[in-house]
């Protein structure tokens, strides 16, 4: 019987830990960008 050499963190040949690491280093999310833009818009519209 052949031994399973896959990590227990893999699902359908996707290394979940690698995906998490890459996502953490990818920058701001869409929702974070939208929140920042809304905050900056509110600041700038107060002075008009």
Protein backbone atom coordinates (compact mmCIF):
# COMPACT_ATOMS: atom_id res chain seq x y z
CA UNK A 1 0.00 0.00 0.00
CA UNK A 2 1.36 3.43 -0.97
CA UNK A 3 1.76 6.00 1.80
CA UNK A 4 -0.10 9.29 1.44
CA UNK A 5 2.57 12.00 1.09
CA UNK A 6 0.16 14.95 0.91
CA UNK A 7 0.02 17.40 3.75
CA UNK A 8 -3.13 17.27 5.84
CA UNK A 9 -3.54 20.95 4.99
CA UNK A 10 -4.14 20.22 1.32
CA UNK A 11 -7.53 19.82 -0.29
CA UNK A 12 -7.84 18.82 -3.93
CA UNK A 13 -4.16 19.56 -4.60
CA UNK A 14 -4.42 23.09 -3.16
CA UNK A 15 -1.96 24.01 -0.45
CA UNK A 16 -4.25 25.92 1.91
CA UNK A 17 -1.43 27.32 4.03
CA UNK A 18 0.31 28.71 0.93
CA UNK A 19 -2.93 30.38 -0.21
CA UNK A 20 -3.40 31.94 3.23
CA UNK A 21 0.18 33.22 3.20
CA UNK A 22 -0.21 34.75 -0.26
CA UNK A 23 -3.54 36.35 0.66
CA UNK A 24 -2.04 37.91 3.79
CA UNK A 25 0.65 39.56 1.66
CA UNK A 26 -1.68 40.72 -1.12
CA UNK A 27 -2.66 44.12 0.32
CA UNK A 28 -6.02 45.63 1.11
CA UNK A 29 -9.27 43.85 0.36
CA UNK A 30 -12.01 45.35 -1.78
CA UNK A 31 -14.08 46.19 1.30
CA UNK A 32 -11.10 47.83 3.03
CA UNK A 33 -10.49 50.03 -0.02
CA UNK A 34 -14.16 51.04 -0.21
CA UNK A 35 -14.19 51.93 3.51
CA UNK A 36 -11.04 54.04 3.13
CA UNK A 37 -12.44 55.85 0.09
CA UNK A 38 -15.71 56.56 1.91
CA UNK A 39 -13.83 57.89 4.92
CA UNK A 40 -11.65 60.15 2.77
CA UNK A 41 -14.69 61.37 0.81
CA UNK A 42 -16.49 62.29 4.02
CA UNK A 43 -13.46 64.25 5.22
CA UNK A 44 -13.11 66.16 1.95
CA UNK A 45 -16.83 66.94 1.60
CA UNK A 46 -16.98 68.58 5.06
CA UNK A 47 -14.80 71.45 3.90
CA UNK A 48 -16.69 72.33 0.70
